[in-house]
Amino acid sequence: METINIFETKEKNTKKGIKESFPVTGMTCASCAASVESVLKHTEGVFDANVNFANSSVLVEYDAVSYTHLTLPTNREV
């Protein structure tokens, strides 16, 4: 009987996109940073988003096919 390693057969996330850093202004607390991150992660074409509250920036990985250059909303209350 053949042995199968279930960890090798598990489908892995193969989505890769463009990683780009953007400045984020107006964040006054960690909750603001979490809200910005959540909104971005639920945006179509965005694979991942990581907000850094300390340096007021966000690193976004997005689909190069969907966006030629990601445009983030400005002056938006989250």
C-alpha atoms as a PDB file:
ATOM      1  CA  MET A   1       0.000   0.000   0.000  1.00  0.00           C
ATOM      2  CA  GLU A   2       1.308   3.444  -0.952  1.00  0.00           C
ATOM      3  CA  THR A   3       1.850   6.006   1.798  1.00  0.00           C
ATOM      4  CA  ILE A   4       0.515   9.490   1.139  1.00  0.00           C
ATOM      5  CA  ASN A   5       1.717  12.530   3.027  1.00  0.00           C
ATOM      6  CA  ILE A   6      -1.414  14.636   3.568  1.00  0.00           C
ATOM      7  CA  PHE A   7       0.659  17.771   4.098  1.00  0.00           C
ATOM      8  CA  GLU A   8       2.167  17.531   0.615  1.00  0.00           C
ATOM      9  CA  THR A   9      -1.205  17.045  -1.059  1.00  0.00           C
ATOM     10  CA  LYS A  10      -2.842  20.011   0.640  1.00  0.00           C
ATOM     11  CA  GLU A  11      -3.554  22.729  -1.886  1.00  0.00           C
ATOM     12  CA  LYS A  12      -1.461  25.792  -1.198  1.00  0.00           C
ATOM     13  CA  ASN A  13      -2.356  29.405  -1.846  1.00  0.00           C
ATOM     14  CA  THR A  14      -0.551  30.147  -5.092  1.00  0.00           C
ATOM     15  CA  LYS A  15      -1.897  33.647  -5.603  1.00  0.00           C
ATOM     16  CA  LYS A  16       0.943  36.060  -6.077  1.00  0.00           C
ATOM     17  CA  GLY A  17       0.633  39.688  -6.923  1.00  0.00           C
ATOM     18  CA  ILE A  18       2.357  42.989  -6.802  1.00  0.00           C
ATOM     19  CA  LYS A  19       3.458  44.179  -3.359  1.00  0.00           C
ATOM     20  CA  GLU A  20       3.354  47.915  -2.884  1.00  0.00           C
ATOM     21  CA  SER A  21       3.590  50.168   0.157  1.00  0.00           C
ATOM     22  CA  PHE A  22       1.277  53.163   0.599  1.00  0.00           C
ATOM     23  CA  PRO A  23       1.202  55.939   3.215  1.00  0.00           C
ATOM     24  CA  VAL A  24      -1.878  56.031   5.441  1.00  0.00           C
ATOM     25  CA  THR A  25      -2.864  59.269   7.151  1.00  0.00           C
ATOM     26  CA  GLY A  26      -5.460  59.922   9.808  1.00  0.00           C
ATOM     27  CA  MET A  27      -4.983  56.776  11.881  1.00  0.00           C
ATOM     28  CA  THR A  28      -5.215  57.755  15.534  1.00  0.00           C
ATOM     29  CA  CYS A  29      -5.253  54.325  17.179  1.00  0.00           C
ATOM     30  CA  ALA A  30      -4.616  50.630  16.633  1.00  0.00           C
ATOM     31  CA  SER A  31      -8.328  50.106  16.019  1.00  0.00           C
ATOM     32  CA  CYS A  32      -8.122  52.471  13.028  1.00  0.00           C
ATOM     33  CA  ALA A  33      -5.236  50.424  11.651  1.00  0.00           C
ATOM     34  CA  ALA A  34      -7.231  47.201  12.078  1.00  0.00           C
ATOM     35  CA  SER A  35     -10.211  48.752  10.261  1.00  0.00           C
ATOM     36  CA  VAL A  36      -8.068  49.896   7.331  1.00  0.00           C
ATOM     37  CA  GLU A  37      -6.507  46.442   7.088  1.00  0.00           C
ATOM     38  CA  SER A  38      -9.899  44.729   7.203  1.00  0.00           C
ATOM     39  CA  VAL A  39     -11.373  46.922   4.468  1.00  0.00           C
ATOM     40  CA  LEU A  40      -8.399  46.301   2.203  1.00  0.00           C
ATOM     41  CA  LYS A  41      -8.411  42.537   2.805  1.00  0.00           C
ATOM     42  CA  HIS A  42     -12.060  42.432   1.731  1.00  0.00           C
ATOM     43  CA  THR A  43     -11.422  44.439  -1.439  1.00  0.00           C
ATOM     44  CA  GLU A  44     -11.709  42.465  -4.660  1.00  0.00           C
ATOM     45  CA  GLY A  45      -8.294  41.850  -6.217  1.00  0.00           C
ATOM     46  CA  VAL A  46      -6.390  42.351  -2.944  1.00  0.00           C
ATOM     47  CA  PHE A  47      -4.658  39.191  -1.733  1.00  0.00           C
ATOM     48  CA  ASP A  48      -3.178  40.585   1.492  1.00  0.00           C
ATOM     49  CA  ALA A  49      -2.798  43.838   3.419  1.00  0.00           C
ATOM     50  CA  ASN A  50      -0.668  44.632   6.456  1.00  0.00           C
ATOM     51  CA  VAL A  51      -1.013  47.998   8.177  1.00  0.00           C
ATOM     52  CA  ASN A  52       1.860  49.382  10.232  1.00  0.00           C
ATOM     53  CA  PHE A  53       0.368  51.883  12.693  1.00  0.00           C
ATOM     54  CA  ALA A  54       3.784  52.997  13.957  1.00  0.00           C
ATOM     55  CA  ASN A  55       5.004  54.280  10.585  1.00  0.00           C
ATOM     56  CA  SER A  56       1.544  55.063   9.090  1.00  0.00           C
ATOM     57  CA  SER A  57       1.813  52.777   6.086  1.00  0.00           C
ATOM     58  CA  VAL A  58       0.204  49.735   4.546  1.00  0.00           C
ATOM     59  CA  LEU A  59       1.810  46.967   2.503  1.00  0.00           C
ATOM     60  CA  VAL A  60      -0.700  45.643  -0.024  1.00  0.00           C
ATOM     61  CA  GLU A  61      -0.380  42.589  -2.249  1.00  0.00           C
ATOM     62  CA  TYR A  62      -2.812  42.846  -5.129  1.00  0.00           C
ATOM     63  CA  ASP A  63      -3.659  41.222  -8.438  1.00  0.00           C
ATOM     64  CA  ALA A  64      -1.649  42.721 -11.287  1.00  0.00           C
ATOM     65  CA  VAL A  65      -4.368  41.733 -13.760  1.00  0.00           C
ATOM     66  CA  SER A  66      -7.139  43.544 -11.876  1.00  0.00           C
ATOM     67  CA  TYR A  67      -5.113  46.686 -11.210  1.00  0.00           C
ATOM     68  CA  THR A  68      -2.355  48.304 -13.203  1.00  0.00           C
ATOM     69  CA  HIS A  69      -1.753  50.526 -10.169  1.00  0.00           C
ATOM     70  CA  LEU A  70      -3.780  50.193  -6.988  1.00  0.00           C
ATOM     71  CA  THR A  71      -5.684  53.331  -6.079  1.00  0.00           C
ATOM     72  CA  LEU A  72      -6.654  53.512  -2.448  1.00  0.00           C
ATOM     73  CA  PRO A  73      -9.574  55.604  -1.214  1.00  0.00           C
ATOM     74  CA  THR A  74      -8.575  58.919   0.325  1.00  0.00           C
ATOM     75  CA  ASN A  75     -10.182  60.778   3.215  1.00  0.00           C
ATOM     76  CA  ARG A  76     -12.423  57.851   3.972  1.00  0.00           C
ATOM     77  CA  GLU A  77     -13.718  57.158   7.426  1.00  0.00           C
ATOM     78  CA  VAL A  78     -13.485  53.460   8.132  1.00  0.00           C
END
